[in-house]
Amino acid sequence: MPRCSRNKHNNYNMAKIYSRKSLVTPSMKPKKETISFLLNYSKAMSFLKVGKLNIEVIAN
């Protein structure tokens, strides 16, 4: 089977699975505080390259 047609089939199956309403319930939705925390955390995070190492730095 050609690779592209298999990917189309997989994409169809994923869309079918993830579009089911029963998989997403209101209790699974994150709170606004959680989203805000994650966004602020990602804004404060930076990476510093020292030689061959990458160091994660959180600016508080």
Protein backbone atom coordinates (compact mmCIF):
# COMPACT_ATOMS: atom_id res chain seq x y z
CA MET A 1 0.00 0.00 0.00
CA PRO A 2 1.43 3.44 -0.89
CA ARG A 3 2.48 5.55 2.06
CA CYS A 4 0.29 8.56 1.28
CA SER A 5 -2.95 6.56 1.12
CA ARG A 6 -2.19 4.94 4.49
CA ASN A 7 -1.65 8.41 6.01
CA LYS A 8 -4.97 9.58 4.60
CA HIS A 9 -6.63 6.55 6.17
CA ASN A 10 -4.95 7.24 9.54
CA ASN A 11 -5.94 10.91 9.41
CA TYR A 12 -9.54 9.92 8.74
CA ASN A 13 -9.53 7.55 11.71
CA MET A 14 -7.98 10.16 14.01
CA ALA A 15 -10.54 12.77 12.94
CA LYS A 16 -13.30 10.26 13.52
CA ILE A 17 -12.00 9.38 17.01
CA TYR A 18 -11.29 12.94 18.19
CA SER A 19 -14.52 14.42 16.86
CA ARG A 20 -16.71 12.22 19.04
CA LYS A 21 -18.51 14.38 21.54
CA SER A 22 -18.43 11.73 24.25
CA LEU A 23 -14.63 11.98 24.56
CA VAL A 24 -14.68 15.64 25.57
CA THR A 25 -16.62 16.40 28.70
CA PRO A 26 -16.94 19.75 30.49
CA SER A 27 -14.93 18.36 33.40
CA MET A 28 -11.95 17.89 31.06
CA LYS A 29 -11.76 21.57 30.15
CA PRO A 30 -8.97 23.42 31.99
CA LYS A 31 -9.68 26.36 34.25
CA LYS A 32 -8.65 29.85 33.15
CA GLU A 33 -6.13 29.90 36.01
CA THR A 34 -4.45 26.78 34.64
CA ILE A 35 -4.13 28.25 31.16
CA SER A 36 -2.80 31.51 32.58
CA PHE A 37 -0.23 29.66 34.69
CA LEU A 38 1.04 27.62 31.74
CA LEU A 39 1.29 30.65 29.47
CA ASN A 40 3.16 32.68 32.09
CA TYR A 41 5.48 29.75 32.79
CA SER A 42 6.30 29.33 29.11
CA LYS A 43 6.97 33.07 28.78
CA ALA A 44 9.40 32.95 31.71
CA MET A 45 11.26 29.92 30.34
CA SER A 46 14.33 30.33 28.18
CA PHE A 47 17.16 28.11 27.03
CA LEU A 48 20.83 28.89 27.39
CA LYS A 49 23.35 27.04 25.27
CA VAL A 50 26.68 26.42 27.01
CA GLY A 51 29.05 24.45 24.85
CA LYS A 52 27.13 21.33 23.83
CA LEU A 53 24.64 21.63 26.70
CA ASN A 54 21.21 23.30 26.62
CA ILE A 55 20.18 24.66 30.02
CA GLU A 56 16.59 25.59 30.86
CA VAL A 57 16.31 28.85 32.77
CA ILE A 58 13.16 30.08 34.52
CA ALA A 59 13.12 33.83 35.15
CA ASN A 60 11.10 34.65 38.25
